[in-house]
PDB file of N, CA and C in Angstrom:
ATOM      1  N   UNK A   1     133.192 112.849  77.087  1.00  0.00           N
ATOM      2  CA  UNK A   1     132.141 114.110  77.215  1.00  0.00           C
ATOM      3  C   UNK A   1     130.655 113.005  76.797  1.00  0.00           C
ATOM      4  N   UNK A   2     130.814 112.098  75.750  1.00  0.00           N
ATOM      5  CA  UNK A   2     129.872 111.551  75.649  1.00  0.00           C
ATOM      6  C   UNK A   2     129.454 110.185  76.733  1.00  0.00           C
ATOM      7  N   UNK A   3     130.457 109.812  77.281  1.00  0.00           N
ATOM      8  CA  UNK A   3     130.222 108.618  78.259  1.00  0.00           C
ATOM      9  C   UNK A   3     129.388 109.484  79.462  1.00  0.00           C
ATOM     10  N   UNK A   4     129.951 110.705  79.921  1.00  0.00           N
ATOM     11  CA  UNK A   4     129.694 111.367  81.036  1.00  0.00           C
ATOM     12  C   UNK A   4     128.152 111.939  80.751  1.00  0.00           C
ATOM     13  N   UNK A   5     127.724 112.158  79.748  1.00  0.00           N
ATOM     14  CA  UNK A   5     126.056 112.555  79.567  1.00  0.00           C
ATOM     15  C   UNK A   5     125.227 111.081  79.401  1.00  0.00           C
ATOM     16  N   UNK A   6     126.062 110.184  78.805  1.00  0.00           N
ATOM     17  CA  UNK A   6     125.005 109.130  78.947  1.00  0.00           C
ATOM     18  C   UNK A   6     124.602 108.609  80.395  1.00  0.00           C
ATOM     19  N   UNK A   7     126.064 108.619  81.143  1.00  0.00           N
ATOM     20  CA  UNK A   7     125.602 108.267  82.776  1.00  0.00           C
ATOM     21  C   UNK A   7     124.726 109.238  83.411  1.00  0.00           C
ATOM     22  N   UNK A   8     124.826 110.627  82.821  1.00  0.00           N
ATOM     23  CA  UNK A   8     123.949 111.369  83.560  1.00  0.00           C
ATOM     24  C   UNK A   8     122.203 110.919  83.065  1.00  0.00           C
ATOM     25  N   UNK A   9     122.154 110.655  81.970  1.00  0.00           N
ATOM     26  CA  UNK A   9     120.867 110.427  81.067  1.00  0.00           C
ATOM     27  C   UNK A   9     120.397 109.079  81.600  1.00  0.00           C
ATOM     28  N   UNK A  10     121.348 108.140  82.187  1.00  0.00           N
ATOM     29  CA  UNK A  10     120.863 106.509  82.426  1.00  0.00           C
ATOM     30  C   UNK A  10     120.646 106.998  84.267  1.00  0.00           C
ATOM     31  N   UNK A  11     121.537 107.656  84.787  1.00  0.00           N
ATOM     32  CA  UNK A  11     121.095 107.996  85.838  1.00  0.00           C
ATOM     33  C   UNK A  11     119.978 108.959  86.402  1.00  0.00           C
ATOM     34  N   UNK A  12     119.385 109.859  85.671  1.00  0.00           N
ATOM     35  CA  UNK A  12     118.413 110.447  85.944  1.00  0.00           C
ATOM     36  C   UNK A  12     117.176 109.482  85.352  1.00  0.00           C
ATOM     37  N   UNK A  13     117.218 108.688  84.188  1.00  0.00           N
ATOM     38  CA  UNK A  13     116.057 107.412  84.152  1.00  0.00           C
ATOM     39  C   UNK A  13     115.988 106.622  85.674  1.00  0.00           C
ATOM     40  N   UNK A  14     117.110 106.101  86.097  1.00  0.00           N
ATOM     41  CA  UNK A  14     117.050 104.915  87.056  1.00  0.00           C
ATOM     42  C   UNK A  14     116.174 106.139  88.337  1.00  0.00           C
ATOM     43  N   UNK A  15     116.732 107.518  88.618  1.00  0.00           N
ATOM     44  CA  UNK A  15     116.261 108.138  89.904  1.00  0.00           C
ATOM     45  C   UNK A  15     114.953 108.317  89.508  1.00  0.00           C
ATOM     46  N   UNK A  16     114.084 108.632  88.355  1.00  0.00           N
ATOM     47  CA  UNK A  16     113.011 108.831  88.094  1.00  0.00           C
ATOM     48  C   UNK A  16     112.170 107.697  88.437  1.00  0.00           C
ATOM     49  N   UNK A  17     112.866 106.435  88.001  1.00  0.00           N
ATOM     50  CA  UNK A  17     111.977 105.093  88.183  1.00  0.00           C
ATOM     51  C   UNK A  17     111.865 104.734  89.725  1.00  0.00           C
ATOM     52  N   UNK A  18     113.066 104.899  90.137  1.00  0.00           N
ATOM     53  CA  UNK A  18     112.832 105.018  91.612  1.00  0.00           C
ATOM     54  C   UNK A  18     111.946 105.777  92.529  1.00  0.00           C
ATOM     55  N   UNK A  19     111.611 106.877  92.046  1.00  0.00           N
ATOM     56  CA  UNK A  19     111.210 107.994  92.786  1.00  0.00           C
ATOM     57  C   UNK A  19     109.645 107.503  92.472  1.00  0.00           C
ATOM     58  N   UNK A  20     109.352 107.417  91.343  1.00  0.00           N
ATOM     59  CA  UNK A  20     107.977 107.415  90.797  1.00  0.00           C
ATOM     60  C   UNK A  20     107.397 105.769  91.473  1.00  0.00           C
ATOM     61  N   UNK A  21     108.066 104.995  91.661  1.00  0.00           N
ATOM     62  CA  UNK A  21     107.717 103.815  92.552  1.00  0.00           C
ATOM     63  C   UNK A  21     107.452 104.048  93.994  1.00  0.00           C
ATOM     64  N   UNK A  22     108.369 104.959  94.392  1.00  0.00           N
ATOM     65  CA  UNK A  22     108.195 105.528  95.909  1.00  0.00           C
ATOM     66  C   UNK A  22     107.065 106.012  96.206  1.00  0.00           C
ATOM     67  N   UNK A  23     106.281 106.557  95.352  1.00  0.00           N
ATOM     68  CA  UNK A  23     105.065 106.967  95.707  1.00  0.00           C
ATOM     69  C   UNK A  23     104.090 105.890  95.775  1.00  0.00           C
ATOM     70  N   UNK A  24     104.120 105.019  94.669  1.00  0.00           N
ATOM     71  CA  UNK A  24     103.231 104.104  95.266  1.00  0.00           C
ATOM     72  C   UNK A  24     103.343 102.948  96.217  1.00  0.00           C
ATOM     73  N   UNK A  25     104.603 102.868  96.779  1.00  0.00           N
ATOM     74  CA  UNK A  25     104.588 102.430  97.913  1.00  0.00           C
ATOM     75  C   UNK A  25     104.135 103.102  99.593  1.00  0.00           C
ATOM     76  N   UNK A  26     104.462 104.519  99.336  1.00  0.00           N
ATOM     77  CA  UNK A  26     103.921 105.273 100.172  1.00  0.00           C
ATOM     78  C   UNK A  26     102.460 105.257 100.138  1.00  0.00           C
ATOM     79  N   UNK A  27     101.922 105.188  98.869  1.00  0.00           N
ATOM     80  CA  UNK A  27     100.331 104.917  99.186  1.00  0.00           C
ATOM     81  C   UNK A  27      99.916 103.991 100.123  1.00  0.00           C
ATOM     82  N   UNK A  28     100.601 102.840  99.434  1.00  0.00           N
ATOM     83  CA  UNK A  28     100.394 101.443 100.197  1.00  0.00           C
ATOM     84  C   UNK A  28     100.527 101.564 101.586  1.00  0.00           C
ATOM     85  N   UNK A  29     101.661 102.153 101.781  1.00  0.00           N
ATOM     86  CA  UNK A  29     101.887 101.898 103.625  1.00  0.00           C
ATOM     87  C   UNK A  29     100.968 103.279 104.213  1.00  0.00           C
ATOM     88  N   UNK A  30     100.329 104.059 103.550  1.00  0.00           N
ATOM     89  CA  UNK A  30      99.539 104.847 104.304  1.00  0.00           C
ATOM     90  C   UNK A  30      97.816 104.196 104.217  1.00  0.00           C
ATOM     91  N   UNK A  31      97.854 103.331 103.313  1.00  0.00           N
ATOM     92  CA  UNK A  31      96.455 102.532 103.390  1.00  0.00           C
ATOM     93  C   UNK A  31      96.815 101.595 104.085  1.00  0.00           C
ATOM     94  N   UNK A  32      97.851 100.680 104.517  1.00  0.00           N
ATOM     95  CA  UNK A  32      98.011 100.070 105.298  1.00  0.00           C
ATOM     96  C   UNK A  32      97.743 100.564 106.727  1.00  0.00           C
ATOM     97  N   UNK A  33      98.562 101.762 107.100  1.00  0.00           N
ATOM     98  CA  UNK A  33      98.341 102.367 108.369  1.00  0.00           C
ATOM     99  C   UNK A  33      96.893 102.850 108.623  1.00  0.00           C
ATOM    100  N   UNK A  34      96.119 102.726 107.651  1.00  0.00           N
ATOM    101  CA  UNK A  34      95.080 103.402 108.078  1.00  0.00           C
ATOM    102  C   UNK A  34      94.043 102.213 108.077  1.00  0.00           C
ATOM    103  N   UNK A  35      94.218 101.155 107.540  1.00  0.00           N
ATOM    104  CA  UNK A  35      93.649  99.945 107.979  1.00  0.00           C
ATOM    105  C   UNK A  35      93.767  99.319 109.119  1.00  0.00           C
ATOM    106  N   UNK A  36      95.085  99.655 109.878  1.00  0.00           N
ATOM    107  CA  UNK A  36      95.455  99.097 111.390  1.00  0.00           C
ATOM    108  C   UNK A  36      94.992  99.764 112.322  1.00  0.00           C
ATOM    109  N   UNK A  37      94.740 101.535 111.663  1.00  0.00           N
ATOM    110  CA  UNK A  37      94.381 102.381 112.764  1.00  0.00           C
ATOM    111  C   UNK A  37      92.695 102.055 113.044  1.00  0.00           C
ATOM    112  N   UNK A  38      92.162 101.492 111.598  1.00  0.00           N
ATOM    113  CA  UNK A  38      90.881 101.164 111.667  1.00  0.00           C
ATOM    114  C   UNK A  38      90.482 100.263 112.830  1.00  0.00           C
ATOM    115  N   UNK A  39      91.071  99.087 112.568  1.00  0.00           N
ATOM    116  CA  UNK A  39      91.288  97.778 113.261  1.00  0.00           C
ATOM    117  C   UNK A  39      91.489  98.009 114.627  1.00  0.00           C
ATOM    118  N   UNK A  40      92.412  98.735 115.192  1.00  0.00           N
ATOM    119  CA  UNK A  40      92.600  98.980 116.535  1.00  0.00           C
ATOM    120  C   UNK A  40      91.540  99.924 117.113  1.00  0.00           C
ATOM    121  N   UNK A  41      90.994 100.775 116.347  1.00  0.00           N
ATOM    122  CA  UNK A  41      89.440 101.443 117.017  1.00  0.00           C
ATOM    123  C   UNK A  41      88.379 100.711 117.235  1.00  0.00           C
ATOM    124  N   UNK A  42      88.480  99.745 116.308  1.00  0.00           N
ATOM    125  CA  UNK A  42      87.466  99.006 116.435  1.00  0.00           C
ATOM    126  C   UNK A  42      87.208  97.871 117.550  1.00  0.00           C
ATOM    127  N   UNK A  43      88.648  97.210 117.820  1.00  0.00           N
ATOM    128  CA  UNK A  43      89.087  96.831 118.832  1.00  0.00           C
ATOM    129  C   UNK A  43      88.912  97.489 120.328  1.00  0.00           C
ATOM    130  N   UNK A  44      89.233  98.716 120.055  1.00  0.00           N
ATOM    131  CA  UNK A  44      88.954  99.413 121.272  1.00  0.00           C
ATOM    132  C   UNK A  44      87.454  99.658 121.553  1.00  0.00           C
ATOM    133  N   UNK A  45      86.460  99.874 120.534  1.00  0.00           N
ATOM    134  CA  UNK A  45      85.104  99.938 120.545  1.00  0.00           C
ATOM    135  C   UNK A  45      84.671  98.664 121.371  1.00  0.00           C
ATOM    136  N   UNK A  46      85.256  97.674 120.777  1.00  0.00           N
ATOM    137  CA  UNK A  46      84.477  96.293 121.078  1.00  0.00           C
ATOM    138  C   UNK A  46      84.845  96.139 122.925  1.00  0.00           C
ATOM    139  N   UNK A  47      85.951  96.354 122.983  1.00  0.00           N
ATOM    140  CA  UNK A  47      86.378  96.409 124.126  1.00  0.00           C
ATOM    141  C   UNK A  47      85.383  97.170 125.371  1.00  0.00           C
ATOM    142  N   UNK A  48      85.419  98.827 125.007  1.00  0.00           N
ATOM    143  CA  UNK A  48      84.529  99.454 125.918  1.00  0.00           C
ATOM    144  C   UNK A  48      83.047  98.973 125.726  1.00  0.00           C
ATOM    145  N   UNK A  49      82.704  98.570 124.765  1.00  0.00           N
ATOM    146  CA  UNK A  49      81.453  98.048 125.029  1.00  0.00           C
ATOM    147  C   UNK A  49      81.159  97.047 125.723  1.00  0.00           C
ATOM    148  N   UNK A  50      82.225  95.903 125.832  1.00  0.00           N
ATOM    149  CA  UNK A  50      82.065  94.866 127.047  1.00  0.00           C
ATOM    150  C   UNK A  50      82.264  94.888 127.953  1.00  0.00           C
ATOM    151  N   UNK A  51      83.182  96.164 128.209  1.00  0.00           N
ATOM    152  CA  UNK A  51      83.150  96.697 129.903  1.00  0.00           C
ATOM    153  C   UNK A  51      81.867  97.387 130.112  1.00  0.00           C
ATOM    154  N   UNK A  52      81.163  98.049 129.393  1.00  0.00           N
ATOM    155  CA  UNK A  52      79.696  98.465 129.853  1.00  0.00           C
ATOM    156  C   UNK A  52      78.872  97.735 130.044  1.00  0.00           C
ATOM    157  N   UNK A  53      79.129  96.471 129.242  1.00  0.00           N
ATOM    158  CA  UNK A  53      78.068  95.487 129.734  1.00  0.00           C
ATOM    159  C   UNK A  53      78.468  94.767 130.910  1.00  0.00           C
ATOM    160  N   UNK A  54      79.473  94.811 131.234  1.00  0.00           N
ATOM    161  CA  UNK A  54      79.496  94.131 132.544  1.00  0.00           C
ATOM    162  C   UNK A  54      79.705  94.812 133.499  1.00  0.00           C
ATOM    163  N   UNK A  55      79.802  96.476 133.590  1.00  0.00           N
ATOM    164  CA  UNK A  55      79.516  97.348 134.618  1.00  0.00           C
ATOM    165  C   UNK A  55      77.885  97.168 134.741  1.00  0.00           C
ATOM    166  N   UNK A  56      76.921  97.356 133.609  1.00  0.00           N
ATOM    167  CA  UNK A  56      75.815  97.315 133.610  1.00  0.00           C
ATOM    168  C   UNK A  56      75.164  95.944 134.186  1.00  0.00           C
ATOM    169  N   UNK A  57      75.588  94.642 133.910  1.00  0.00           N
ATOM    170  CA  UNK A  57      75.400  93.419 134.696  1.00  0.00           C
ATOM    171  C   UNK A  57      75.748  93.618 136.272  1.00  0.00           C
ATOM    172  N   UNK A  58      76.851  94.228 136.395  1.00  0.00           N
ATOM    173  CA  UNK A  58      77.383  93.854 138.039  1.00  0.00           C
ATOM    174  C   UNK A  58      76.602  94.973 138.618  1.00  0.00           C
ATOM    175  N   UNK A  59      76.144  96.571 138.273  1.00  0.00           N
ATOM    176  CA  UNK A  59      75.301  97.017 138.774  1.00  0.00           C
ATOM    177  C   UNK A  59      73.649  96.371 138.718  1.00  0.00           C
ATOM    178  N   UNK A  60      73.032  95.245 137.911  1.00  0.00           N
ATOM    179  CA  UNK A  60      71.746  94.800 138.257  1.00  0.00           C
ATOM    180  C   UNK A  60      72.136  93.829 139.370  1.00  0.00           C
ATOM    181  N   UNK A  61      73.515  93.071 139.437  1.00  0.00           N
ATOM    182  CA  UNK A  61      73.362  92.095 140.226  1.00  0.00           C
ATOM    183  C   UNK A  61      73.326  92.491 141.752  1.00  0.00           C
ATOM    184  N   UNK A  62      73.771  93.939 141.445  1.00  0.00           N
ATOM    185  CA  UNK A  62      73.794  94.526 142.986  1.00  0.00           C
ATOM    186  C   UNK A  62      72.532  95.060 143.478  1.00  0.00           C
ATOM    187  N   UNK A  63      72.080  95.734 142.486  1.00  0.00           N
ATOM    188  CA  UNK A  63      70.242  95.634 142.919  1.00  0.00           C
ATOM    189  C   UNK A  63      69.744  94.633 143.077  1.00  0.00           C
ATOM    190  N   UNK A  64      69.629  93.530 142.419  1.00  0.00           N
ATOM    191  CA  UNK A  64      69.034  92.605 142.800  1.00  0.00           C
ATOM    192  C   UNK A  64      69.327  92.031 143.970  1.00  0.00           C
ATOM    193  N   UNK A  65      70.364  91.954 144.521  1.00  0.00           N
ATOM    194  CA  UNK A  65      71.147  91.392 145.750  1.00  0.00           C
ATOM    195  C   UNK A  65      70.136  92.514 146.852  1.00  0.00           C
ATOM    196  N   UNK A  66      70.234  93.758 146.802  1.00  0.00           N
ATOM    197  CA  UNK A  66      69.749  94.571 147.680  1.00  0.00           C
ATOM    198  C   UNK A  66      68.092  94.493 147.593  1.00  0.00           C
ATOM    199  N   UNK A  67      67.522  93.886 146.778  1.00  0.00           N
ATOM    200  CA  UNK A  67      66.203  94.049 146.579  1.00  0.00           C
ATOM    201  C   UNK A  67      65.815  92.607 147.628  1.00  0.00           C
ATOM    202  N   UNK A  68      66.763  91.685 147.401  1.00  0.00           N
ATOM    203  CA  UNK A  68      66.566  90.184 147.776  1.00  0.00           C
ATOM    204  C   UNK A  68      66.791  90.205 149.445  1.00  0.00           C
ATOM    205  N   UNK A  69      67.833  91.237 149.785  1.00  0.00           N
ATOM    206  CA  UNK A  69      68.006  91.456 151.133  1.00  0.00           C
ATOM    207  C   UNK A  69      66.770  92.209 151.447  1.00  0.00           C
ATOM    208  N   UNK A  70      66.647  93.099 151.001  1.00  0.00           N
ATOM    209  CA  UNK A  70      65.292  93.755 151.776  1.00  0.00           C
ATOM    210  C   UNK A  70      63.967  93.190 151.817  1.00  0.00           C
ATOM    211  N   UNK A  71      63.582  92.245 150.879  1.00  0.00           N
ATOM    212  CA  UNK A  71      62.390  91.648 150.965  1.00  0.00           C
ATOM    213  C   UNK A  71      62.534  90.365 152.296  1.00  0.00           C
ATOM    214  N   UNK A  72      63.765  90.089 152.304  1.00  0.00           N
ATOM    215  CA  UNK A  72      63.952  88.826 153.758  1.00  0.00           C
ATOM    216  C   UNK A  72      64.013  89.746 154.760  1.00  0.00           C
ATOM    217  N   UNK A  73      64.348  90.777 154.787  1.00  0.00           N
ATOM    218  CA  UNK A  73      64.369  91.452 156.044  1.00  0.00           C
ATOM    219  C   UNK A  73      62.851  91.978 156.536  1.00  0.00           C
ATOM    220  N   UNK A  74      62.049  92.379 155.184  1.00  0.00           N
ATOM    221  CA  UNK A  74      60.717  92.783 155.461  1.00  0.00           C
ATOM    222  C   UNK A  74      59.728  91.436 156.040  1.00  0.00           C
ATOM    223  N   UNK A  75      60.320  90.299 155.249  1.00  0.00           N
ATOM    224  CA  UNK A  75      59.471  89.256 155.560  1.00  0.00           C
ATOM    225  C   UNK A  75      60.126  88.510 157.196  1.00  0.00           C
ATOM    226  N   UNK A  76      61.030  89.034 157.542  1.00  0.00           N
ATOM    227  CA  UNK A  76      61.457  88.541 159.208  1.00  0.00           C
ATOM    228  C   UNK A  76      61.088  89.644 159.598  1.00  0.00           C
ATOM    229  N   UNK A  77      60.931  90.838 159.455  1.00  0.00           N
ATOM    230  CA  UNK A  77      60.088  91.777 160.335  1.00  0.00           C
ATOM    231  C   UNK A  77      58.532  91.476 161.005  1.00  0.00           C
ATOM    232  N   UNK A  78      58.226  91.065 159.774  1.00  0.00           N
ATOM    233  CA  UNK A  78      56.181  90.765 159.789  1.00  0.00           C
ATOM    234  C   UNK A  78      56.315  89.389 161.087  1.00  0.00           C
ATOM    235  N   UNK A  79      55.312  89.603 162.139  1.00  0.00           N
ATOM    236  CA  UNK A  79      55.148  88.776 162.744  1.00  0.00           C
ATOM    237  C   UNK A  79      54.479  87.553 161.917  1.00  0.00           C
ATOM    238  N   UNK A  80      54.550  86.447 162.366  1.00  0.00           N
ATOM    239  CA  UNK A  80      54.123  85.223 161.778  1.00  0.00           C
ATOM    240  C   UNK A  80      52.593  84.954 162.238  1.00  0.00           C
ATOM    241  N   UNK A  81      51.967  84.613 161.106  1.00  0.00           N
ATOM    242  CA  UNK A  81      50.481  84.508 161.357  1.00  0.00           C
ATOM    243  C   UNK A  81      50.159  83.143 162.281  1.00  0.00           C
ATOM    244  N   UNK A  82      49.553  82.929 163.422  1.00  0.00           N
ATOM    245  CA  UNK A  82      49.069  81.826 163.701  1.00  0.00           C
ATOM    246  C   UNK A  82      47.952  81.201 162.944  1.00  0.00           C
ATOM    247  N   UNK A  83      47.826  79.816 162.831  1.00  0.00           N
ATOM    248  CA  UNK A  83      46.644  79.224 162.287  1.00  0.00           C
ATOM    249  C   UNK A  83      45.824  78.760 163.389  1.00  0.00           C
TER     250      UNK A  83
END
């Protein structure tokens, strides 16, 4: 009976030590997940900002091209002055 009680006590101590360490590991895992999530969110925000910058640059290039075409068309439509 003493051996059984000793085994139960040792087993309960071992279980307590393992379960307490699991909380620390779970907290570390949660912190790592949060850091990874933050990193991914930052990457997505950066990609979105770059895409917006590209869209803005493209819209400006189109507007500049249209303005240039209009000015060329206006210059061609005016009669040339004779000297």
